[in-house]
Amino acid sequence: MDLKEYRAKLIGGNDERAVSPVIGVILMVAITVILAAVIAAFVLDLGGSVGQEAQAGVSMEVDSAANEVQVEVTSLGNSDHVNLTSSDWNTGSGAPSSAEYMKVGDAVTYAYNGGSGDIAETGQMSAVAVINESETETQVGSEEWDFS
């Protein structure tokens, strides 16, 4: 029994091999580069630097019969709180400049009472969700009113 004969049949000679040494080296280098890139992405946390938008659920309704704007925070999502802003607050004494740090279940009603009250006769109010840690603010609701 000649083992060299069986070896040549099983493995093949230099002319019969499926992959040349040059192709093997190229494949090994490519695999090494890809593996190094994946490890670098995890170590350097390249994907973690992308910021998120603040998300929250807010119900805003205009009651034209009562001349009121009602706002309720229904969920916070990934935000810490919700702020209400408007340039149309009434300028009377005690009028709010904004409603800040609203949480789930907080509800406010702003009324127009013919020149007095919390809000002007016409205007717009916006709800802004806030993430404190990243100082991210996203408008999550807006409502316009016209009580004229």
Protein backbone atom coordinates (compact mmCIF):
# COMPACT_ATOMS: atom_id res chain seq x y z
CA MET A 1 0.00 0.00 0.00
CA ASP A 2 1.53 3.23 -1.20
CA LEU A 3 0.31 6.19 0.89
CA LYS A 4 1.71 8.74 -1.55
CA GLU A 5 -0.59 7.39 -4.21
CA TYR A 6 -3.66 7.72 -1.95
CA ARG A 7 -2.55 11.17 -0.81
CA ALA A 8 -2.36 12.38 -4.39
CA LYS A 9 -5.85 11.01 -5.05
CA LEU A 10 -7.40 12.52 -1.88
CA ILE A 11 -5.69 15.89 -1.72
CA GLY A 12 -4.55 16.37 -5.28
CA GLY A 13 -1.30 17.66 -6.60
CA ASN A 14 -0.19 21.29 -6.82
CA ASP A 15 -1.91 21.67 -10.20
CA GLU A 16 -5.22 20.24 -8.99
CA ARG A 17 -5.84 22.23 -5.80
CA ALA A 18 -8.99 24.39 -5.75
CA VAL A 19 -7.58 27.54 -4.06
CA SER A 20 -4.25 29.05 -4.94
CA PRO A 21 -2.10 30.44 -2.12
CA VAL A 22 -2.59 34.02 -3.42
CA ILE A 23 -6.39 33.78 -3.17
CA GLY A 24 -6.08 32.29 0.31
CA VAL A 25 -3.93 35.19 1.50
CA ILE A 26 -6.35 37.75 0.03
CA LEU A 27 -9.30 36.08 1.78
CA MET A 28 -7.45 35.99 5.11
CA VAL A 29 -6.59 39.71 4.87
CA ALA A 30 -10.20 40.62 3.99
CA ILE A 31 -11.59 38.62 6.92
CA THR A 32 -9.06 40.24 9.28
CA VAL A 33 -9.98 43.77 8.12
CA ILE A 34 -13.72 43.12 8.51
CA LEU A 35 -13.22 41.61 11.96
CA ALA A 36 -11.09 44.59 13.04
CA ALA A 37 -13.77 47.02 11.82
CA VAL A 38 -16.51 45.23 13.78
CA ILE A 39 -14.43 45.17 16.96
CA ALA A 40 -13.53 48.87 16.55
CA ALA A 41 -17.22 49.77 16.15
CA PHE A 42 -18.09 48.10 19.45
CA VAL A 43 -15.05 49.39 21.34
CA LEU A 44 -15.38 52.98 20.13
CA ASP A 45 -19.20 52.91 20.36
CA LEU A 46 -19.60 54.53 16.97
CA GLY A 47 -23.33 53.77 16.75
CA GLY A 48 -24.19 55.18 20.17
CA SER A 49 -23.59 58.82 19.31
CA VAL A 50 -26.84 59.16 17.36
CA GLY A 51 -29.36 61.19 19.38
CA GLN A 52 -33.03 60.44 19.85
CA GLU A 53 -35.97 62.75 19.46
CA ALA A 54 -38.04 63.36 22.57
CA GLN A 55 -41.41 61.62 22.43
CA ALA A 56 -44.56 62.30 24.44
CA GLY A 57 -48.33 62.12 24.06
CA VAL A 58 -50.32 65.31 24.53
CA SER A 59 -54.04 65.93 24.05
CA MET A 60 -54.84 69.51 23.02
CA GLU A 61 -58.43 70.61 22.42
CA VAL A 62 -60.08 73.94 21.66
CA ASP A 63 -63.58 74.43 23.09
CA SER A 64 -64.99 77.31 21.05
CA ALA A 65 -68.27 77.38 23.01
CA ALA A 66 -66.49 77.93 26.33
CA ASN A 67 -63.56 79.93 24.85
CA GLU A 68 -61.06 77.50 26.38
CA VAL A 69 -57.96 75.57 25.35
CA GLN A 70 -57.49 72.32 27.28
CA VAL A 71 -54.17 70.48 27.41
CA GLU A 72 -53.43 67.10 29.02
CA VAL A 73 -50.23 65.04 29.04
CA THR A 74 -51.20 61.43 28.27
CA SER A 75 -47.74 59.81 28.09
CA LEU A 76 -44.10 60.82 28.37
CA GLY A 77 -42.49 58.23 26.10
CA ASN A 78 -38.74 58.76 26.46
CA SER A 79 -39.02 62.38 27.63
CA ASP A 80 -38.70 63.71 31.18
CA HIS A 81 -41.44 66.34 30.99
CA VAL A 82 -43.53 68.51 28.66
CA ASN A 83 -43.50 72.31 28.44
CA LEU A 84 -46.29 74.44 26.95
CA THR A 85 -45.28 77.59 25.13
CA SER A 86 -47.19 80.35 23.39
CA SER A 87 -46.57 83.92 22.35
CA ASP A 88 -50.30 84.54 22.77
CA TRP A 89 -50.68 84.51 26.55
CA ASN A 90 -52.74 87.42 27.78
CA THR A 91 -50.61 90.24 29.14
CA GLY A 92 -52.77 90.80 32.21
CA SER A 93 -51.51 90.36 35.74
CA GLY A 94 -50.96 86.75 36.73
CA ALA A 95 -50.95 85.51 33.13
CA PRO A 96 -48.63 82.54 32.64
CA SER A 97 -45.60 82.79 30.38
CA SER A 98 -45.59 79.02 29.97
CA ALA A 99 -46.55 75.79 31.71
CA GLU A 100 -43.39 73.87 32.50
CA TYR A 101 -42.47 70.45 33.84
CA MET A 102 -45.83 68.81 33.09
CA LYS A 103 -45.99 65.06 33.79
CA VAL A 104 -48.44 62.28 32.86
CA GLY A 105 -51.96 63.14 34.02
CA ASP A 106 -51.27 66.86 34.37
CA ALA A 107 -54.02 68.90 32.73
CA VAL A 108 -54.46 72.65 32.34
CA THR A 109 -57.24 74.79 30.93
CA TYR A 110 -56.62 78.27 29.57
CA ALA A 111 -59.62 80.56 29.11
CA TYR A 112 -60.33 83.70 27.13
CA ASN A 113 -62.76 86.04 28.91
CA GLY A 114 -63.17 89.00 26.55
CA GLY A 115 -59.90 90.80 27.24
CA SER A 116 -59.08 89.14 30.52
CA GLY A 117 -58.14 85.56 31.22
CA ASP A 118 -55.13 83.44 30.45
CA ILE A 119 -54.92 83.66 26.67
CA ALA A 120 -55.51 86.19 23.91
CA GLU A 121 -58.52 86.10 21.59
CA THR A 122 -56.54 84.33 18.85
CA GLY A 123 -53.30 82.43 19.02
CA GLN A 124 -51.35 79.22 18.96
CA MET A 125 -49.98 76.98 21.71
CA SER A 126 -47.26 74.33 21.36
CA ALA A 127 -46.36 71.34 23.52
CA VAL A 128 -42.64 70.54 23.64
CA ALA A 129 -41.27 67.24 25.00
CA VAL A 130 -37.91 67.56 26.80
CA ILE A 131 -35.13 65.06 27.56
CA ASN A 132 -33.01 66.64 30.32
CA GLU A 133 -29.87 64.53 29.92
CA SER A 134 -29.26 65.35 26.26
CA GLU A 135 -31.09 68.71 26.35
CA THR A 136 -33.30 67.52 23.48
CA GLU A 137 -36.56 69.34 22.78
CA THR A 138 -39.15 68.17 20.24
CA GLN A 139 -42.51 69.75 19.46
CA VAL A 140 -45.14 67.02 19.99
CA GLY A 141 -48.33 69.03 19.61
CA SER A 142 -49.71 72.35 18.50
CA GLU A 143 -53.17 73.92 18.53
CA GLU A 144 -54.55 77.19 17.17
CA TRP A 145 -57.62 79.04 18.42
CA ASP A 146 -59.77 81.93 17.28
CA PHE A 147 -62.53 83.06 19.67
CA SER A 148 -63.50 86.19 17.70
